Protein backbone atom coordinates (compact mmCIF):
# COMPACT_ATOMS: atom_id res chain seq x y z
CA MET A 1 -112.90 -23.78 -39.82
CA ILE A 2 -113.77 -26.08 -37.51
CA ILE A 3 -114.72 -25.23 -34.23
CA LEU A 4 -115.48 -26.99 -30.67
CA LYS A 5 -118.97 -25.65 -29.35
CA PRO A 6 -119.23 -25.24 -25.44
CA LEU A 7 -119.03 -28.53 -23.85
CA ILE A 8 -122.07 -29.70 -22.32
CA LEU A 9 -122.22 -31.94 -19.16
CA ASP A 10 -125.53 -33.64 -18.46
CA LEU A 11 -127.19 -34.97 -15.32
CA THR A 12 -125.66 -38.69 -15.82
CA GLY A 13 -122.07 -37.34 -15.94
CA TRP A 14 -121.49 -37.79 -19.71
CA LEU A 15 -119.75 -34.71 -21.49
CA GLU A 16 -121.29 -33.73 -24.91
CA ALA A 17 -118.45 -32.24 -27.03
CA THR A 18 -119.87 -30.98 -30.69
CA TRP A 19 -117.29 -29.92 -33.69
CA VAL A 20 -118.92 -27.91 -36.18
CA ASN A 21 -117.51 -26.43 -39.64
CA SER A 22 -118.06 -22.81 -39.54
CA VAL A 23 -118.12 -20.73 -43.03
CA GLN A 24 -118.88 -17.21 -43.30
CA ALA A 25 -120.11 -15.77 -46.40
CA PRO A 26 -118.19 -12.75 -47.80
CA ASP A 27 -119.44 -9.21 -46.38
CA ILE A 28 -122.16 -7.48 -48.54
CA VAL A 29 -121.18 -3.81 -49.33
CA ASN A 30 -124.63 -1.76 -50.04
CA PRO A 31 -123.25 1.44 -51.98
CA ALA A 32 -124.53 4.81 -51.15
CA LYS A 33 -128.10 5.94 -52.26
CA ASP A 34 -129.29 9.25 -53.27
CA ALA A 35 -132.86 10.40 -52.04
CA VAL A 36 -135.70 9.85 -54.11
CA TYR A 37 -138.23 12.21 -54.49
CA GLU A 38 -141.74 12.59 -56.38
CA MET A 39 -141.47 15.07 -58.97
CA VAL A 40 -144.34 17.42 -59.72
CA ASP A 41 -144.81 20.05 -62.49
CA ASP A 42 -144.47 23.44 -61.17
CA GLY A 43 -146.94 24.57 -63.78
CA MET A 44 -144.30 26.33 -65.84
CA GLY A 45 -143.19 23.23 -67.33
CA ASN A 46 -140.67 22.59 -64.48
CA LEU A 47 -140.49 19.11 -62.80
CA VAL A 48 -139.60 19.90 -58.88
CA PRO A 49 -139.30 17.77 -55.96
CA ASN A 50 -142.50 17.26 -54.08
CA GLU A 51 -142.58 14.55 -51.47
CA LEU A 52 -139.65 12.31 -50.31
CA ILE A 53 -140.01 8.78 -51.43
CA SER A 54 -136.77 7.37 -50.11
CA PRO A 55 -134.14 9.15 -47.91
CA ALA A 56 -130.63 8.97 -49.01
CA GLU A 57 -128.35 6.13 -47.67
CA PRO A 58 -124.83 6.12 -46.81
CA GLU A 59 -122.50 2.90 -47.94
CA HIS A 60 -122.64 0.44 -45.36
CA VAL A 61 -121.49 -3.00 -44.83
CA GLU A 62 -123.43 -6.22 -44.05
CA PRO A 63 -121.57 -8.91 -42.43
CA GLY A 64 -121.73 -12.18 -44.25
CA ALA A 65 -124.12 -14.79 -43.06
CA VAL A 66 -122.24 -17.54 -40.92
CA THR A 67 -123.21 -21.20 -41.90
CA GLU A 68 -122.63 -24.16 -39.29
CA THR A 69 -122.38 -27.90 -40.45
CA GLN A 70 -122.13 -30.36 -37.70
CA VAL A 71 -118.98 -32.46 -37.93
CA GLN A 72 -118.99 -34.85 -35.06
CA CYS A 73 -120.82 -34.72 -31.74
CA THR A 74 -120.30 -37.32 -29.16
CA SER A 75 -120.77 -38.19 -25.64
CA TYR A 76 -117.68 -39.13 -23.37
CA HIS A 77 -117.75 -40.65 -20.11
CA PRO A 78 -115.07 -39.60 -17.68
CA THR A 79 -113.30 -42.74 -18.24
CA GLN A 80 -113.02 -41.59 -21.87
CA ILE A 81 -110.94 -38.49 -21.40
CA ASP A 82 -108.22 -39.69 -24.10
CA MET A 83 -110.61 -40.26 -26.41
CA LEU A 84 -112.14 -36.83 -26.22
CA ARG A 85 -108.34 -35.51 -26.48
CA SER A 86 -107.77 -37.48 -29.58
CA ASP A 87 -111.04 -36.37 -31.28
CA ALA A 88 -110.07 -32.59 -30.42
CA ALA A 89 -106.62 -33.13 -31.89
CA LYS A 90 -107.93 -34.87 -34.99
CA HIS A 91 -110.22 -31.79 -35.78
CA GLY A 92 -107.23 -29.45 -34.65
CA THR A 93 -109.27 -27.88 -31.90
CA ALA A 94 -107.58 -27.10 -28.56
CA LEU A 95 -109.09 -27.68 -25.17
CA ASP A 96 -107.04 -25.22 -23.27
CA GLU A 97 -110.18 -23.06 -22.12
CA TYR A 98 -111.88 -26.38 -20.97
CA GLU A 99 -108.89 -27.95 -18.88
CA ALA A 100 -110.08 -27.07 -15.46
CA HIS A 101 -113.55 -28.16 -16.36
CA LEU A 102 -112.36 -31.29 -17.71
CA ALA A 103 -110.01 -31.96 -14.35
CA THR A 104 -112.88 -31.57 -12.21
CA TRP A 105 -115.06 -33.54 -14.18
CA VAL A 106 -112.85 -36.63 -14.15
CA ALA A 107 -111.88 -35.78 -10.50
CA ALA A 108 -115.40 -36.04 -9.34
CA TYR A 109 -115.77 -39.50 -11.14
CA VAL A 110 -116.47 -42.48 -8.73
CA PRO A 111 -116.44 -45.86 -10.26
CA PRO A 112 -119.15 -48.00 -8.91
CA THR A 113 -118.81 -50.70 -6.43
CA PRO A 114 -119.05 -54.30 -7.55
CA GLU A 115 -121.69 -56.14 -6.23
CA PRO A 116 -120.36 -59.07 -4.34
CA GLU A 117 -120.52 -62.49 -5.52
CA PRO A 118 -123.29 -64.76 -4.05
CA VAL A 119 -122.20 -67.43 -1.97
CA GLN A 120 -122.84 -70.67 -3.29
CA VAL A 121 -123.79 -73.21 -0.98
CA VAL A 122 -122.72 -76.86 -2.09
CA GLU A 123 -124.97 -79.46 -1.18
CA SER A 124 -123.80 -82.94 -0.51
CA PRO A 125 -125.08 -85.71 -2.74
CA VAL A 126 -127.36 -86.96 0.12
CA GLU A 127 -128.73 -83.63 0.79
CA LYS A 128 -129.63 -83.47 -2.88
CA LEU A 129 -131.27 -86.90 -2.78
CA GLN A 130 -133.16 -85.75 0.35
CA ALA A 131 -134.47 -82.69 -1.47
CA PHE A 132 -135.31 -84.45 -4.43
CA LEU A 133 -137.38 -87.52 -2.38
CA ASN A 134 -139.07 -84.96 -0.33
CA ALA A 135 -140.19 -82.86 -3.33
CA ASN A 136 -142.65 -85.58 -4.28
CA PRO A 137 -145.66 -86.03 -1.88
CA ASP A 138 -145.99 -89.72 -2.87
CA VAL A 139 -142.28 -90.57 -2.25
CA ARG A 140 -142.23 -88.52 0.97
CA ALA A 141 -145.19 -90.44 2.60
CA LEU A 142 -143.55 -93.67 2.08
CA LEU A 143 -140.65 -92.91 3.74
CA GLN A 144 -142.30 -91.70 6.67
């Protein structure tokens, strides 16, 4: 059975979702055991219990071990909520218990403000020529 592990929100605002395939081995039934005693000769050729080696145990059941294999682990940005929902549906896992958390996560996202484009100053051809000529000290000395 594929299950969704608890969602983890990291410090950068990304949400990590991990799906694992969880398989439980069959339960182990341990039958009842009788008490075991050390037997000694009573001096008349009879064996009698002397010291308790192992006490009696009732029948008991040990649950089988659970093995988890990771199926998918993905980090989602708040703008990728539809991708998270799609992946959850693909694995057959419901997000019902996380809906309030997801709504808060998406609502808290504030997109970054774009940086203003730098204003380009267009030089006239005359200004370009003057800048070129003034950049050369020999030419600048002749022009003065």
